[in-house]
Protein backbone atom coordinates (compact mmCIF):
# COMPACT_ATOMS: atom_id res chain seq x y z
CA UNK A 1 102.86 130.39 128.85
CA UNK A 2 102.70 132.89 126.23
CA UNK A 3 104.56 130.45 123.69
CA UNK A 4 102.30 127.64 124.32
CA UNK A 5 99.11 129.79 123.95
CA UNK A 6 100.70 131.13 120.78
CA UNK A 7 101.36 127.73 119.41
CA UNK A 8 97.89 126.40 120.16
CA UNK A 9 96.27 129.30 118.48
CA UNK A 10 98.33 128.74 115.49
CA UNK A 11 97.47 125.14 115.43
CA UNK A 12 101.08 124.07 115.11
CA UNK A 13 101.71 122.46 118.54
CA UNK A 14 100.00 119.09 118.00
CA UNK A 15 101.69 118.45 114.64
CA UNK A 16 105.20 119.19 115.63
CA UNK A 17 105.44 116.74 118.53
CA UNK A 18 103.52 113.95 116.62
CA UNK A 19 106.02 114.29 113.57
CA UNK A 20 109.02 114.23 115.72
CA UNK A 21 107.75 111.26 117.84
CA UNK A 22 106.74 109.26 114.93
CA UNK A 23 110.33 110.00 113.28
CA UNK A 24 112.06 108.79 116.55
CA UNK A 25 110.00 105.74 116.71
CA UNK A 26 110.63 104.82 113.02
CA UNK A 27 114.37 105.51 113.66
CA UNK A 28 114.37 103.26 116.75
CA UNK A 29 112.69 100.64 114.94
CA UNK A 30 115.22 100.66 112.28
CA UNK A 31 117.99 100.52 114.63
CA UNK A 32 116.53 97.60 116.67
CA UNK A 33 116.13 95.70 113.20
CA UNK A 34 119.69 96.46 112.39
CA UNK A 35 120.93 95.22 115.67
CA UNK A 36 118.72 92.01 115.39
CA UNK A 37 120.02 91.54 111.81
CA UNK A 38 123.65 91.79 112.72
CA UNK A 39 123.32 89.39 115.87
CA UNK A 40 121.59 86.67 113.71
CA UNK A 41 124.06 87.24 110.85
CA UNK A 42 126.92 86.42 113.24
CA UNK A 43 125.40 83.08 114.04
CA UNK A 44 126.69 79.77 112.26
CA UNK A 45 124.20 77.84 110.04
CA UNK A 46 124.24 75.13 112.96
CA UNK A 47 123.37 77.89 115.47
CA UNK A 48 120.52 79.22 113.28
CA UNK A 49 119.27 75.77 112.75
CA UNK A 50 119.22 75.35 116.53
CA UNK A 51 116.82 78.18 116.87
CA UNK A 52 114.94 76.89 113.85
CA UNK A 53 115.71 79.65 111.39
CA UNK A 54 117.81 80.03 108.17
CA UNK A 55 119.98 82.71 106.85
CA UNK A 56 117.16 83.69 104.36
CA UNK A 57 114.84 84.21 107.21
CA UNK A 58 117.12 86.87 109.04
CA UNK A 59 115.93 90.13 107.39
CA UNK A 60 112.23 89.06 107.73
CA UNK A 61 112.67 88.15 111.37
CA UNK A 62 114.55 91.27 112.10
CA UNK A 63 112.05 93.62 110.47
CA UNK A 64 109.10 91.87 112.02
CA UNK A 65 110.68 91.87 115.54
CA UNK A 66 111.26 95.68 115.34
CA UNK A 67 107.58 96.30 114.09
CA UNK A 68 108.39 97.33 110.57
């Protein structure tokens, strides 16, 4: 309990979890975008056409889907 009280009195506690939470959220978003990008890049032009996108749309769709 002493450690928590010291962290609160210094004002450092709220910033640290927020920074790491934000960093982790960003890394997860980039990972999700990359997995989406790879999955779509492995499709043929015909398969992409079947789902209504082109090869040029892949990056935009991957970023948007990951929230970037």
